[in-house]
C-alpha atoms as a PDB file:
ATOM      1  CA  UNK A   1      -1.671   9.808 -19.544  1.00  0.00           C
ATOM      2  CA  UNK A   2      -0.781   6.730 -16.989  1.00  0.00           C
ATOM      3  CA  UNK A   3      -1.285   6.852 -13.759  1.00  0.00           C
ATOM      4  CA  UNK A   4      -0.347   4.175 -10.602  1.00  0.00           C
ATOM      5  CA  UNK A   5      -3.014   4.088  -8.409  1.00  0.00           C
ATOM      6  CA  UNK A   6      -1.808   2.151  -4.370  1.00  0.00           C
ATOM      7  CA  UNK A   7      -3.989   0.423  -2.155  1.00  0.00           C
ATOM      8  CA  UNK A   8      -3.963  -1.709   1.017  1.00  0.00           C
ATOM      9  CA  UNK A   9      -2.160  -0.003   3.441  1.00  0.00           C
ATOM     10  CA  UNK A  10      -3.144   0.526   7.064  1.00  0.00           C
ATOM     11  CA  UNK A  11      -2.894  -0.351  10.864  1.00  0.00           C
ATOM     12  CA  UNK A  12      -1.896  -3.612  11.704  1.00  0.00           C
ATOM     13  CA  UNK A  13      -0.082  -5.527  15.054  1.00  0.00           C
ATOM     14  CA  UNK A  14       2.709  -6.749  14.792  1.00  0.00           C
ATOM     15  CA  UNK A  15       3.208 -10.078  13.335  1.00  0.00           C
ATOM     16  CA  UNK A  16      -0.110  -9.453  10.838  1.00  0.00           C
ATOM     17  CA  UNK A  17      -0.296  -9.291   7.181  1.00  0.00           C
ATOM     18  CA  UNK A  18      -1.455  -6.703   4.708  1.00  0.00           C
ATOM     19  CA  UNK A  19      -1.716  -6.900   0.509  1.00  0.00           C
ATOM     20  CA  UNK A  20      -0.535  -4.040  -1.297  1.00  0.00           C
ATOM     21  CA  UNK A  21      -1.651  -3.307  -4.793  1.00  0.00           C
ATOM     22  CA  UNK A  22      -0.758  -1.017  -7.246  1.00  0.00           C
ATOM     23  CA  UNK A  23      -2.626  -0.420  -9.905  1.00  0.00           C
ATOM     24  CA  UNK A  24      -1.776   1.117 -13.713  1.00  0.00           C
ATOM     25  CA  UNK A  25      -4.429   2.909 -15.723  1.00  0.00           C
ATOM     26  CA  UNK A  26      -3.725   4.400 -19.337  1.00  0.00           C
ATOM     27  CA  UNK A  27      -1.201   2.969 -21.969  1.00  0.00           C
ATOM     28  CA  UNK A  28       1.505   1.296 -20.826  1.00  0.00           C
ATOM     29  CA  UNK A  29       4.228  -1.094 -22.433  1.00  0.00           C
ATOM     30  CA  UNK A  30       7.147  -2.132 -22.661  1.00  0.00           C
ATOM     31  CA  UNK A  31       7.316  -3.139 -18.665  1.00  0.00           C
ATOM     32  CA  UNK A  32      10.474  -3.978 -17.523  1.00  0.00           C
ATOM     33  CA  UNK A  33      10.214  -3.477 -13.898  1.00  0.00           C
ATOM     34  CA  UNK A  34       7.739  -2.940 -11.524  1.00  0.00           C
ATOM     35  CA  UNK A  35       9.180  -2.050  -8.278  1.00  0.00           C
ATOM     36  CA  UNK A  36       7.976  -1.403  -4.263  1.00  0.00           C
ATOM     37  CA  UNK A  37       9.899   1.189  -2.615  1.00  0.00           C
ATOM     38  CA  UNK A  38       9.081   2.710   0.645  1.00  0.00           C
ATOM     39  CA  UNK A  39       9.717   5.813   2.618  1.00  0.00           C
ATOM     40  CA  UNK A  40      10.037   5.810   7.019  1.00  0.00           C
ATOM     41  CA  UNK A  41      10.217   8.666   9.059  1.00  0.00           C
ATOM     42  CA  UNK A  42      13.754  10.559   8.536  1.00  0.00           C
ATOM     43  CA  UNK A  43      14.927   7.903   6.181  1.00  0.00           C
ATOM     44  CA  UNK A  44      15.665   7.588   2.715  1.00  0.00           C
ATOM     45  CA  UNK A  45      13.573   5.698   0.589  1.00  0.00           C
ATOM     46  CA  UNK A  46      14.434   2.386  -0.189  1.00  0.00           C
ATOM     47  CA  UNK A  47      13.642  -0.539  -2.334  1.00  0.00           C
ATOM     48  CA  UNK A  48      11.826  -3.656  -1.012  1.00  0.00           C
ATOM     49  CA  UNK A  49      11.220  -5.826  -3.963  1.00  0.00           C
ATOM     50  CA  UNK A  50      11.068  -5.896  -7.603  1.00  0.00           C
ATOM     51  CA  UNK A  51       9.393  -8.444 -10.012  1.00  0.00           C
ATOM     52  CA  UNK A  52      11.062  -8.006 -13.838  1.00  0.00           C
ATOM     53  CA  UNK A  53       9.190  -8.465 -16.642  1.00  0.00           C
ATOM     54  CA  UNK A  54      10.454 -12.253 -16.658  1.00  0.00           C
ATOM     55  CA  UNK A  55       9.357 -12.880 -13.688  1.00  0.00           C
ATOM     56  CA  UNK A  56      12.940 -12.624 -11.670  1.00  0.00           C
ATOM     57  CA  UNK A  57      12.693 -11.143  -8.383  1.00  0.00           C
ATOM     58  CA  UNK A  58      14.542  -9.855  -5.765  1.00  0.00           C
ATOM     59  CA  UNK A  59      14.171  -8.657  -2.026  1.00  0.00           C
ATOM     60  CA  UNK A  60      15.933  -6.498   0.267  1.00  0.00           C
ATOM     61  CA  UNK A  61      17.650  -8.444   2.857  1.00  0.00           C
ATOM     62  CA  UNK A  62      15.048  -7.006   5.691  1.00  0.00           C
ATOM     63  CA  UNK A  63      12.094  -8.562   4.125  1.00  0.00           C
ATOM     64  CA  UNK A  64      13.395 -11.564   2.735  1.00  0.00           C
ATOM     65  CA  UNK A  65      11.107 -14.343   3.751  1.00  0.00           C
ATOM     66  CA  UNK A  66       8.424 -12.617   4.873  1.00  0.00           C
ATOM     67  CA  UNK A  67       7.586 -10.351   1.873  1.00  0.00           C
ATOM     68  CA  UNK A  68       6.189 -11.932  -1.735  1.00  0.00           C
ATOM     69  CA  UNK A  69       6.288  -9.232  -4.692  1.00  0.00           C
ATOM     70  CA  UNK A  70       3.703 -10.583  -7.371  1.00  0.00           C
ATOM     71  CA  UNK A  71       2.300  -9.171 -10.750  1.00  0.00           C
ATOM     72  CA  UNK A  72      -0.906  -9.795 -13.011  1.00  0.00           C
ATOM     73  CA  UNK A  73      -0.305  -8.986 -16.140  1.00  0.00           C
ATOM     74  CA  UNK A  74      -3.124  -8.753 -17.704  1.00  0.00           C
ATOM     75  CA  UNK A  75      -4.598  -5.823 -15.346  1.00  0.00           C
ATOM     76  CA  UNK A  76      -1.346  -4.363 -15.195  1.00  0.00           C
ATOM     77  CA  UNK A  77      -1.239  -4.796 -11.304  1.00  0.00           C
ATOM     78  CA  UNK A  78       1.571  -5.390  -9.013  1.00  0.00           C
ATOM     79  CA  UNK A  79       1.040  -6.522  -5.578  1.00  0.00           C
ATOM     80  CA  UNK A  80       2.919  -6.704  -2.707  1.00  0.00           C
ATOM     81  CA  UNK A  81       1.985  -9.935   0.423  1.00  0.00           C
ATOM     82  CA  UNK A  82       3.684  -8.694   3.852  1.00  0.00           C
ATOM     83  CA  UNK A  83       3.815 -11.291   6.417  1.00  0.00           C
ATOM     84  CA  UNK A  84       4.876 -11.518  10.168  1.00  0.00           C
ATOM     85  CA  UNK A  85       5.152  -7.191  10.215  1.00  0.00           C
ATOM     86  CA  UNK A  86       7.613  -5.853  12.180  1.00  0.00           C
ATOM     87  CA  UNK A  87       7.233  -2.068  13.695  1.00  0.00           C
ATOM     88  CA  UNK A  88      10.374  -1.671  11.050  1.00  0.00           C
ATOM     89  CA  UNK A  89       8.186  -2.298   8.834  1.00  0.00           C
ATOM     90  CA  UNK A  90       6.290   1.154   9.180  1.00  0.00           C
ATOM     91  CA  UNK A  91       6.634   3.258   5.916  1.00  0.00           C
ATOM     92  CA  UNK A  92       4.898   4.439   2.989  1.00  0.00           C
ATOM     93  CA  UNK A  93       5.709   2.311   0.411  1.00  0.00           C
ATOM     94  CA  UNK A  94       5.376   3.623  -3.010  1.00  0.00           C
ATOM     95  CA  UNK A  95       5.347   1.025  -6.096  1.00  0.00           C
ATOM     96  CA  UNK A  96       7.005   1.842  -9.128  1.00  0.00           C
ATOM     97  CA  UNK A  97       6.740   0.627 -12.971  1.00  0.00           C
ATOM     98  CA  UNK A  98       9.908   1.168 -14.724  1.00  0.00           C
ATOM     99  CA  UNK A  99       9.130   1.183 -18.809  1.00  0.00           C
ATOM    100  CA  UNK A 100      11.526   1.052 -21.387  1.00  0.00           C
ATOM    101  CA  UNK A 101      13.287   4.213 -22.681  1.00  0.00           C
ATOM    102  CA  UNK A 102      14.006   4.835 -18.715  1.00  0.00           C
ATOM    103  CA  UNK A 103      10.853   6.242 -18.016  1.00  0.00           C
ATOM    104  CA  UNK A 104       9.144   5.785 -14.820  1.00  0.00           C
ATOM    105  CA  UNK A 105       5.659   6.122 -12.957  1.00  0.00           C
ATOM    106  CA  UNK A 106       5.040   6.373  -9.454  1.00  0.00           C
ATOM    107  CA  UNK A 107       2.042   5.968  -6.917  1.00  0.00           C
ATOM    108  CA  UNK A 108       1.214   8.416  -5.100  1.00  0.00           C
ATOM    109  CA  UNK A 109       2.250   5.965  -1.746  1.00  0.00           C
ATOM    110  CA  UNK A 110       0.319   4.817   1.233  1.00  0.00           C
ATOM    111  CA  UNK A 111       0.766   4.077   4.407  1.00  0.00           C
ATOM    112  CA  UNK A 112       1.618   1.189   6.238  1.00  0.00           C
ATOM    113  CA  UNK A 113       1.702   1.677   9.976  1.00  0.00           C
ATOM    114  CA  UNK A 114       2.739  -1.679  12.076  1.00  0.00           C
ATOM    115  CA  UNK A 115       1.788  -0.961  15.809  1.00  0.00           C
ATOM    116  CA  UNK A 116      -0.104  -2.386  18.974  1.00  0.00           C
END
């Protein structure tokens, strides 16, 4: 059984940084992409950043230049380095791993609050 465990969320002041981690446990193979989403109160879940098996990355316009996604294939872990955080980055952040066969696994979410 595959489980994704996220960590690294918390309370940070505007302009600060956080690093989120998402580690996959269990048998997992043929990973196509690892993705971070977020959902703010009253808003729809939105894609924040993705990294494909070949290493290509993509970002939402709102986080370009501030967030960086990376992965450690040996550990089946994906990271999200978040710098220059703004109040509008406040949300629950979820990781997703998409594998062959259109199968996706989701983490439980980690709260990020940006506030002074």
